[in-house]
Amino acid sequence: MRAPGAWLLAVCTVSVVSAASVGCDGEAPPAVSAVATAERLARVASGEVAAVRTSASLAAGAPVVVGEPGPAHLASRCGDCHGSIHGGWSRSGHARSNQGALYLAMRSKSEPVACDPCHAPLRSILPPGDMLAEEGVTCDACHMLRDVELGPTRAKLTLLLSGDKRWGTLCDAQDHYFHTTGCSPLFKESKLCAGCHQWSTRAASGEPLPVLKEYDDWLASPAAAAGKSCQGCHMPAVHGEVATGWTRRASVGSHELLGESGALRRGAVRLTMQVEENGQALRAEVSLTNTNEAHAAPTGFPGRQLALELTLLDAAEQKLSRSARVFGRVLVDEAGREVPFYAAQAQGSDNRIGPGQTRREVFTFDRGAAVSARARVVWRAMSPAVASALGVSVEEQVLAESKVPLRRGQGSRRAP
């Protein structure tokens, strides 16, 4: 364990890492560690620890660190002064980025070197077992970040550890005895998020195979054309204080990031339904609109799904019949089977709903004893096929629902 507030690491420059045949540019072999303790660096240089690839030739590398070692702290220590910000972060996906059954199952079946640079950025820097290394995307992982350099498969993240400066968006922040402050335009740019939300593996052909493409999707979106950044939606300004005792201001960015709570997902879909009855024959036209202007729906990891379900219910609200349409991006293996990213060789399909787009789906049923028709939009964290391959359950969330009562005879009815 390190002494409180001290980094126990050796700084590995790009040239030293390259000399050990560990690439830093996305084209060379992935790095076991671009920053390591002296012991680990020696093991890399001696060849005892080699560059690692998964079956899909993942290109990943630890953050590149420049500057002399400086102090680093647990998020809870930052929370002593930045209480409200720490509270928001603790409810975010960043705080749990290296937790969760789905993530842990994927990490166990791929390679930690592919996952840790973004899910636990400080793990490769700190000694094994250090509590700070297990905090996921912790405070210092972002606020000591100085550059994001995009590459063909992944970005190179540069951390500046010299001194005690923490960086952010506020240029009028005052230095404190605990740390000094700096402002950087990077923290207002979507490129900051692209460091981890734009990532590809390599197929057997050697060509990049996009896994995470939220940044590319944003670049092609109406939001980007209008000059709206990732932070504008995911870190909206709230009224509050940056630190205890500071003057309250209206421009403090929320650190909850909103995605984990489902608030952005629920607000990004609009559902309408019209049912036509002709005797026992039912025809339901359901429209699903992606009201989000920055991402396709669903966004994020391949295998995520939006399921549009149409169900007929009896008088006791029991299901009589059900049909569904599924939207998502699917990665496949050589045989065309849907698989997790680490076993994928190609993109099989992508029928996601683009920003501002509407899909209209028609369902036909025999009415039977049904007294109502219900349409639902269900978000799934992962497809049943991939979840089964990983041995985890499927997390689901109902984003929207609409119900139409049926009447015998002919006519057309819309959901209220």
Protein backbone atom coordinates (compact mmCIF):
# COMPACT_ATOMS: atom_id res chain seq x y z
CA MET A 1 0.00 0.00 0.00
CA ARG A 2 1.16 3.54 -0.67
CA ALA A 3 1.70 6.12 1.98
CA PRO A 4 -1.26 8.52 2.22
CA GLY A 5 -1.28 11.01 -0.65
CA ALA A 6 1.74 9.55 -2.45
CA TRP A 7 2.06 7.80 -5.81
CA LEU A 8 4.31 4.74 -5.83
CA LEU A 9 5.05 4.48 -9.53
CA ALA A 10 7.71 4.86 -12.15
CA VAL A 11 6.98 7.00 -15.17
CA CYS A 12 7.33 5.12 -18.43
CA THR A 13 7.78 7.29 -21.50
CA VAL A 14 6.43 6.26 -24.86
CA SER A 15 9.91 5.51 -26.13
CA VAL A 16 10.70 3.21 -23.22
CA VAL A 17 7.44 1.36 -23.69
CA SER A 18 8.06 1.03 -27.41
CA ALA A 19 11.51 -0.36 -26.72
CA ALA A 20 9.80 -3.09 -24.75
CA SER A 21 7.65 -3.84 -27.83
CA VAL A 22 4.55 -2.45 -26.18
CA GLY A 23 2.77 -0.11 -28.58
CA CYS A 24 1.37 3.31 -27.70
CA ASP A 25 -0.12 4.43 -31.02
CA GLY A 26 -3.03 2.09 -31.58
CA GLU A 27 -1.35 0.39 -34.54
CA ALA A 28 1.35 -1.42 -32.57
CA PRO A 29 0.67 -4.22 -30.07
CA PRO A 30 -1.38 -3.09 -27.06
CA ALA A 31 0.41 -2.03 -23.93
CA VAL A 32 0.45 -4.14 -20.82
CA SER A 33 1.12 -0.88 -19.02
CA ALA A 34 2.28 2.50 -20.25
CA VAL A 35 2.79 3.51 -16.64
CA ALA A 36 3.85 0.97 -14.06
CA THR A 37 5.57 0.50 -10.77
CA ALA A 38 9.34 0.08 -11.11
CA GLU A 39 9.00 -3.64 -10.51
CA ARG A 40 6.34 -4.09 -13.18
CA LEU A 41 8.24 -1.93 -15.68
CA ALA A 42 11.32 -4.09 -15.18
CA ARG A 43 9.25 -7.21 -15.82
CA VAL A 44 7.92 -5.71 -19.07
CA ALA A 45 11.40 -4.70 -20.23
CA SER A 46 12.82 -8.14 -19.42
CA GLY A 47 10.10 -9.87 -21.37
CA GLU A 48 8.67 -11.62 -18.33
CA VAL A 49 5.42 -9.72 -18.94
CA ALA A 50 4.60 -9.55 -22.63
CA ALA A 51 2.14 -7.50 -24.62
CA VAL A 52 -1.30 -9.08 -24.39
CA ARG A 53 -3.93 -9.64 -27.07
CA THR A 54 -7.35 -11.17 -26.84
CA SER A 55 -8.72 -13.47 -29.50
CA ALA A 56 -9.99 -10.37 -31.29
CA SER A 57 -6.63 -8.56 -31.14
CA LEU A 58 -7.76 -5.79 -28.83
CA ALA A 59 -5.83 -2.54 -29.04
CA ALA A 60 -5.69 -0.91 -25.63
CA GLY A 61 -3.16 0.83 -23.44
CA ALA A 62 -2.83 2.34 -20.05
CA PRO A 63 -2.75 6.13 -19.64
CA VAL A 64 0.51 7.86 -20.47
CA VAL A 65 1.75 9.83 -17.48
CA VAL A 66 4.04 12.86 -17.70
CA GLY A 67 5.60 14.85 -14.90
CA GLU A 68 6.94 13.92 -11.51
CA PRO A 69 4.73 11.90 -9.17
CA GLY A 70 2.34 14.05 -7.16
CA PRO A 71 -0.41 13.51 -4.58
CA ALA A 72 -3.54 11.53 -5.34
CA HIS A 73 -6.58 11.00 -3.16
CA LEU A 74 -9.65 8.84 -2.75
CA ALA A 75 -12.89 10.34 -4.02
CA SER A 76 -14.20 10.49 -0.46
CA ARG A 77 -11.32 12.83 0.42
CA CYS A 78 -12.33 15.11 -2.45
CA GLY A 79 -15.87 14.94 -1.09
CA ASP A 80 -14.77 16.57 2.14
CA CYS A 81 -14.80 19.89 0.27
CA HIS A 82 -16.77 19.04 -2.88
CA GLY A 83 -19.68 17.36 -1.13
CA SER A 84 -22.47 17.87 -3.65
CA ILE A 85 -20.24 17.05 -6.62
CA HIS A 86 -18.98 13.91 -4.89
CA GLY A 87 -22.57 12.93 -4.12
CA GLY A 88 -23.51 13.22 -7.78
CA TRP A 89 -20.46 11.28 -8.92
CA SER A 90 -21.17 8.50 -6.41
CA ARG A 91 -24.56 7.95 -8.09
CA SER A 92 -23.07 7.88 -11.59
CA GLY A 93 -21.90 5.10 -13.83
CA HIS A 94 -18.35 6.44 -13.51
CA ALA A 95 -18.30 5.52 -9.81
CA ARG A 96 -19.28 1.93 -10.69
CA SER A 97 -17.42 1.60 -13.98
CA ASN A 98 -15.43 -1.41 -12.77
CA GLN A 99 -18.36 -3.11 -11.07
CA GLY A 100 -21.53 -4.86 -12.18
CA ALA A 101 -22.10 -8.44 -13.22
CA LEU A 102 -22.17 -7.67 -16.95
CA TYR A 103 -18.88 -5.77 -16.94
CA LEU A 104 -17.10 -8.28 -14.71
CA ALA A 105 -18.25 -11.17 -16.91
CA MET A 106 -16.91 -9.45 -20.04
CA ARG A 107 -13.63 -8.55 -18.36
CA SER A 108 -13.11 -12.13 -17.18
CA LYS A 109 -13.58 -13.49 -20.70
CA SER A 110 -11.52 -10.87 -22.55
CA GLU A 111 -8.35 -9.25 -21.21
CA PRO A 112 -8.01 -6.78 -18.34
CA VAL A 113 -5.57 -4.76 -20.45
CA ALA A 114 -8.45 -4.00 -22.81
CA CYS A 115 -10.86 -2.93 -20.07
CA ASP A 116 -8.87 -1.27 -17.30
CA PRO A 117 -7.63 1.87 -19.12
CA CYS A 118 -11.19 3.21 -19.11
CA HIS A 119 -13.03 1.23 -16.45
CA ALA A 120 -10.29 1.61 -13.83
CA PRO A 121 -7.78 4.12 -15.28
CA LEU A 122 -5.49 4.22 -12.24
CA ARG A 123 -5.23 0.45 -11.79
CA SER A 124 -2.16 0.18 -14.03
CA ILE A 125 -0.51 3.09 -12.23
CA LEU A 126 -0.94 2.06 -8.61
CA PRO A 127 0.27 -1.03 -6.74
CA PRO A 128 -2.10 -4.03 -6.68
CA GLY A 129 -4.76 -3.73 -4.02
CA ASP A 130 -4.57 0.05 -3.69
CA MET A 131 -8.04 1.33 -2.79
CA LEU A 132 -7.79 4.28 -5.17
CA ALA A 133 -7.17 1.95 -8.11
CA GLU A 134 -10.52 0.25 -7.49
CA GLU A 135 -12.61 3.43 -7.60
CA GLY A 136 -13.38 3.21 -11.30
CA VAL A 137 -13.37 6.55 -13.09
CA THR A 138 -12.46 8.45 -9.94
CA CYS A 139 -11.95 12.20 -9.48
CA ASP A 140 -8.25 12.29 -10.35
CA ALA A 141 -8.73 10.10 -13.44
CA CYS A 142 -10.51 13.04 -15.09
CA HIS A 143 -9.24 16.11 -13.27
CA MET A 144 -5.57 15.28 -13.88
CA LEU A 145 -6.23 14.54 -17.56
CA ARG A 146 -4.39 16.90 -19.90
CA ASP A 147 -4.86 15.46 -23.38
CA VAL A 148 -6.93 13.00 -25.39
CA GLU A 149 -5.37 11.91 -28.67
CA LEU A 150 -7.77 9.94 -30.86
CA GLY A 151 -6.39 6.96 -32.76
CA PRO A 152 -7.63 4.38 -35.27
CA THR A 153 -8.79 1.98 -32.56
CA ARG A 154 -8.62 3.83 -29.25
CA ALA A 155 -7.48 7.10 -27.74
CA LYS A 156 -4.29 7.86 -25.85
CA LEU A 157 -4.98 9.55 -22.52
CA THR A 158 -2.28 11.75 -20.99
CA LEU A 159 -2.31 12.48 -17.27
CA LEU A 160 -0.23 15.26 -15.72
CA LEU A 161 0.77 14.19 -12.23
CA SER A 162 3.33 16.87 -11.44
CA GLY A 163 2.44 19.21 -8.62
CA ASP A 164 -0.97 19.35 -7.00
CA LYS A 165 -3.03 20.99 -9.75
CA ARG A 166 -6.53 19.79 -10.65
CA TRP A 167 -8.08 20.88 -13.93
CA GLY A 168 -11.65 21.75 -14.89
CA THR A 169 -13.83 24.27 -16.70
CA LEU A 170 -13.72 27.20 -14.26
CA CYS A 171 -11.08 29.80 -15.01
CA ASP A 172 -11.91 31.96 -11.99
CA ALA A 173 -11.38 29.21 -9.42
CA GLN A 174 -9.09 30.13 -6.55
CA ASP A 175 -6.18 28.02 -5.40
CA HIS A 176 -6.55 26.21 -2.10
CA TYR A 177 -4.04 24.80 0.35
CA PHE A 178 -5.14 21.30 -0.63
CA HIS A 179 -4.62 21.77 -4.37
CA THR A 180 -4.20 24.47 -6.96
CA THR A 181 -6.59 24.84 -9.89
CA GLY A 182 -6.34 25.17 -13.65
CA CYS A 183 -8.88 25.56 -16.43
CA SER A 184 -8.70 23.69 -19.71
CA PRO A 185 -10.86 23.95 -22.86
CA LEU A 186 -10.66 20.15 -23.10
CA PHE A 187 -13.22 19.81 -20.31
CA LYS A 188 -15.86 21.51 -22.45
CA GLU A 189 -15.14 19.43 -25.56
CA SER A 190 -16.72 16.14 -26.58
CA LYS A 191 -13.22 14.88 -27.34
CA LEU A 192 -12.77 14.47 -23.59
CA CYS A 193 -15.51 11.83 -23.58
CA ALA A 194 -14.21 10.24 -26.79
CA GLY A 195 -11.19 9.07 -24.84
CA CYS A 196 -13.28 6.16 -23.61
CA HIS A 197 -16.53 6.33 -25.58
CA GLN A 198 -14.89 5.66 -28.96
CA TRP A 199 -13.16 2.30 -29.05
CA SER A 200 -12.55 -0.48 -31.57
CA THR A 201 -11.12 -3.95 -31.58
CA ARG A 202 -9.56 -5.55 -34.65
CA ALA A 203 -11.15 -8.30 -36.67
CA ALA A 204 -9.14 -11.22 -38.02
CA SER A 205 -8.69 -9.20 -41.23
CA GLY A 206 -6.83 -6.55 -39.25
CA GLU A 207 -9.48 -3.93 -39.92
CA PRO A 208 -10.88 -1.92 -36.99
CA LEU A 209 -14.22 -3.20 -35.72
CA PRO A 210 -16.06 -0.47 -33.80
CA VAL A 211 -17.28 -1.55 -30.38
CA LEU A 212 -18.05 1.79 -28.75
CA LYS A 213 -18.97 4.45 -31.30
CA GLU A 214 -20.89 7.06 -29.32
CA TYR A 215 -18.42 9.77 -30.36
CA ASP A 216 -18.68 8.93 -34.07
CA ASP A 217 -22.47 8.85 -33.78
CA TRP A 218 -22.42 12.24 -32.06
CA LEU A 219 -20.13 13.70 -34.74
CA ALA A 220 -22.72 12.81 -37.38
CA SER A 221 -25.68 14.04 -35.32
CA PRO A 222 -27.76 17.23 -35.36
CA ALA A 223 -26.42 17.98 -31.87
CA ALA A 224 -22.85 18.20 -33.14
CA ALA A 225 -23.95 20.32 -36.09
CA ALA A 226 -25.59 22.70 -33.63
CA GLY A 227 -22.44 22.89 -31.50
CA LYS A 228 -23.86 20.92 -28.56
CA SER A 229 -21.28 18.88 -26.66
CA CYS A 230 -21.64 15.65 -24.70
CA GLN A 231 -21.32 17.62 -21.48
CA GLY A 232 -24.28 19.80 -22.43
CA CYS A 233 -26.65 16.85 -21.99
CA HIS A 234 -24.77 14.56 -19.61
CA MET A 235 -23.44 17.28 -17.28
CA PRO A 236 -26.13 19.98 -17.37
CA ALA A 237 -25.50 23.11 -15.33
CA VAL A 238 -27.14 23.16 -11.92
CA HIS A 239 -27.25 25.84 -9.24
CA GLY A 240 -24.90 25.06 -6.40
CA GLU A 241 -21.46 25.49 -4.92
CA VAL A 242 -18.31 23.94 -6.34
CA ALA A 243 -16.79 23.60 -2.88
CA THR A 244 -17.97 24.16 0.66
CA GLY A 245 -18.03 27.87 1.45
CA TRP A 246 -17.79 29.00 -2.17
CA THR A 247 -20.26 31.44 -3.67
CA ARG A 248 -23.16 29.52 -5.18
CA ARG A 249 -23.37 29.78 -8.94
CA ALA A 250 -25.75 28.64 -11.66
CA SER A 251 -23.15 26.90 -13.81
CA VAL A 252 -21.96 23.93 -11.76
CA GLY A 253 -21.90 20.83 -13.97
CA SER A 254 -23.85 17.85 -12.65
CA HIS A 255 -21.57 14.86 -12.09
CA GLU A 256 -24.38 12.27 -12.08
CA LEU A 257 -24.01 12.02 -15.89
CA LEU A 258 -27.71 11.04 -16.00
CA GLY A 259 -27.25 7.95 -18.18
CA GLU A 260 -27.09 5.47 -15.29
CA SER A 261 -30.39 6.63 -13.78
CA GLY A 262 -32.23 6.11 -17.05
CA ALA A 263 -33.49 9.70 -17.12
CA LEU A 264 -31.97 10.42 -20.53
CA ARG A 265 -33.24 7.11 -21.92
CA ARG A 266 -36.81 7.70 -20.76
CA GLY A 267 -36.81 11.20 -22.17
CA ALA A 268 -35.41 10.10 -25.52
CA VAL A 269 -38.35 8.02 -26.78
CA ARG A 270 -41.91 8.94 -27.74
CA LEU A 271 -44.52 6.24 -28.33
CA THR A 272 -47.87 6.52 -30.15
CA MET A 273 -50.31 3.79 -31.16
CA GLN A 274 -53.42 3.50 -33.32
CA VAL A 275 -55.54 0.34 -33.41
CA GLU A 276 -58.00 -0.56 -36.17
CA GLU A 277 -60.64 -3.20 -35.50
CA ASN A 278 -62.43 -5.17 -38.19
CA GLY A 279 -64.40 -7.89 -36.50
CA GLN A 280 -61.88 -10.24 -34.92
CA ALA A 281 -59.01 -8.79 -36.94
CA LEU A 282 -56.84 -6.19 -35.23
CA ARG A 283 -54.26 -3.97 -36.87
CA ALA A 284 -52.02 -1.85 -34.63
CA GLU A 285 -49.73 0.82 -36.03
CA VAL A 286 -47.12 1.84 -33.47
CA SER A 287 -44.74 4.76 -33.95
CA LEU A 288 -41.52 5.01 -31.97
CA THR A 289 -39.57 8.28 -32.15
CA ASN A 290 -36.03 8.90 -30.95
CA THR A 291 -36.33 12.46 -29.66
CA ASN A 292 -32.64 12.59 -28.76
CA GLU A 293 -30.59 14.68 -31.18
CA ALA A 294 -27.15 13.29 -30.29
CA HIS A 295 -27.31 9.48 -30.37
CA ALA A 296 -29.00 6.60 -32.11
CA ALA A 297 -31.34 4.56 -29.91
CA PRO A 298 -30.18 2.46 -28.25
CA THR A 299 -26.71 3.90 -27.83
CA GLY A 300 -23.67 2.49 -26.09
CA PHE A 301 -22.41 -1.06 -26.15
CA PRO A 302 -23.31 -3.36 -29.08
CA GLY A 303 -25.92 -5.86 -27.95
CA ARG A 304 -28.03 -3.27 -26.17
CA GLN A 305 -31.61 -3.38 -27.34
CA LEU A 306 -34.82 -1.42 -27.58
CA ALA A 307 -37.72 -3.87 -27.79
CA LEU A 308 -41.04 -2.53 -29.06
CA GLU A 309 -43.63 -4.95 -27.66
CA LEU A 310 -47.32 -5.18 -28.59
CA THR A 311 -49.40 -7.29 -26.19
CA LEU A 312 -53.10 -8.20 -26.12
CA LEU A 313 -54.57 -8.37 -22.60
CA ASP A 314 -57.76 -9.95 -21.25
CA ALA A 315 -60.09 -8.49 -18.63
CA ALA A 316 -57.75 -9.68 -15.85
CA GLU A 317 -54.73 -7.98 -17.50
CA GLN A 318 -53.29 -11.36 -18.44
CA LYS A 319 -51.30 -11.70 -21.66
CA LEU A 320 -53.10 -13.43 -24.49
CA SER A 321 -50.60 -12.84 -27.30
CA ARG A 322 -47.47 -10.83 -27.85
CA SER A 323 -45.24 -9.69 -30.71
CA ALA A 324 -42.09 -7.59 -30.70
CA ARG A 325 -39.65 -5.67 -32.90
CA VAL A 326 -36.08 -5.29 -31.67
CA PHE A 327 -33.69 -2.43 -32.48
CA GLY A 328 -29.97 -2.51 -31.83
CA ARG A 329 -26.46 -3.08 -33.17
CA VAL A 330 -25.25 -6.67 -33.42
CA LEU A 331 -21.68 -8.01 -33.59
CA VAL A 332 -21.18 -11.50 -34.99
CA ASP A 333 -18.50 -14.18 -35.28
CA GLU A 334 -17.29 -15.94 -38.44
CA ALA A 335 -20.47 -18.03 -38.55
CA GLY A 336 -22.74 -15.00 -38.30
CA ARG A 337 -23.83 -15.72 -34.72
CA GLU A 338 -24.33 -12.86 -32.28
CA VAL A 339 -21.45 -12.85 -29.81
CA PRO A 340 -19.82 -10.57 -27.22
CA PHE A 341 -17.36 -8.00 -28.55
CA TYR A 342 -14.24 -10.01 -27.67
CA ALA A 343 -15.30 -12.86 -29.99
CA ALA A 344 -16.68 -10.68 -32.79
CA GLN A 345 -15.30 -10.48 -36.31
CA ALA A 346 -17.86 -8.22 -37.99
CA GLN A 347 -20.93 -6.09 -37.49
CA GLY A 348 -23.94 -8.19 -38.39
CA SER A 349 -26.60 -5.50 -38.38
CA ASP A 350 -27.48 -2.04 -37.13
CA ASN A 351 -31.17 -1.08 -37.18
CA ARG A 352 -31.02 1.49 -34.39
CA ILE A 353 -33.27 4.53 -34.62
CA GLY A 354 -31.28 7.60 -35.62
CA PRO A 355 -31.48 10.97 -33.87
CA GLY A 356 -34.89 12.54 -34.49
CA GLN A 357 -36.08 9.59 -36.57
CA THR A 358 -39.39 7.71 -36.26
CA ARG A 359 -40.02 4.03 -36.94
CA ARG A 360 -43.54 2.84 -37.72
CA GLU A 361 -44.29 -0.80 -37.09
CA VAL A 362 -47.50 -2.66 -37.92
CA PHE A 363 -48.76 -5.57 -35.83
CA THR A 364 -51.72 -7.79 -36.76
CA PHE A 365 -53.60 -10.07 -34.38
CA ASP A 366 -56.74 -12.12 -34.02
CA ARG A 367 -58.58 -10.42 -31.18
CA GLY A 368 -59.93 -13.44 -29.32
CA ALA A 369 -60.89 -12.48 -25.74
CA ALA A 370 -58.68 -9.40 -25.61
CA VAL A 371 -60.11 -6.21 -24.12
CA SER A 372 -57.06 -3.98 -24.59
CA ALA A 373 -53.83 -3.62 -26.56
CA ARG A 374 -50.66 -2.44 -24.86
CA ALA A 375 -47.50 -1.12 -26.50
CA ARG A 376 -44.27 -0.92 -24.52
CA VAL A 377 -40.72 0.18 -25.20
CA VAL A 378 -38.27 -1.90 -23.16
CA TRP A 379 -34.57 -1.07 -22.89
CA ARG A 380 -32.23 -4.02 -22.37
CA ALA A 381 -28.68 -3.61 -21.13
CA MET A 382 -27.69 -6.57 -23.30
CA SER A 383 -29.37 -8.96 -25.70
CA PRO A 384 -30.52 -12.31 -24.29
CA ALA A 385 -28.06 -14.09 -26.60
CA VAL A 386 -25.00 -12.21 -25.33
CA ALA A 387 -26.20 -12.29 -21.72
CA SER A 388 -26.57 -16.07 -21.98
CA ALA A 389 -23.05 -16.41 -23.37
CA LEU A 390 -21.75 -14.39 -20.42
CA GLY A 391 -23.85 -16.18 -17.83
CA VAL A 392 -25.61 -13.04 -16.55
CA SER A 393 -29.22 -11.95 -16.31
CA VAL A 394 -30.67 -9.28 -18.60
CA GLU A 395 -31.32 -5.88 -17.01
CA GLU A 396 -34.50 -4.30 -18.40
CA GLN A 397 -36.23 -0.95 -18.02
CA VAL A 398 -39.62 0.11 -19.39
CA LEU A 399 -39.13 3.48 -21.08
CA ALA A 400 -42.63 4.12 -22.41
CA GLU A 401 -46.06 2.50 -22.42
CA SER A 402 -49.37 3.09 -24.17
CA LYS A 403 -52.67 1.20 -23.89
CA VAL A 404 -55.81 1.22 -26.04
CA PRO A 405 -59.13 -0.33 -24.92
CA LEU A 406 -60.76 -2.48 -27.59
CA ARG A 407 -64.41 -2.54 -28.64
CA ARG A 408 -66.11 -5.17 -30.70
CA GLY A 409 -66.94 -4.25 -34.25
CA GLN A 410 -65.22 -1.88 -36.60
CA GLY A 411 -63.37 1.35 -36.02
CA SER A 412 -60.09 2.97 -35.20
CA ARG A 413 -58.79 4.09 -31.81
CA ARG A 414 -55.71 5.95 -30.70
CA ALA A 415 -53.98 5.63 -27.39
CA PRO A 416 -55.11 8.41 -25.05
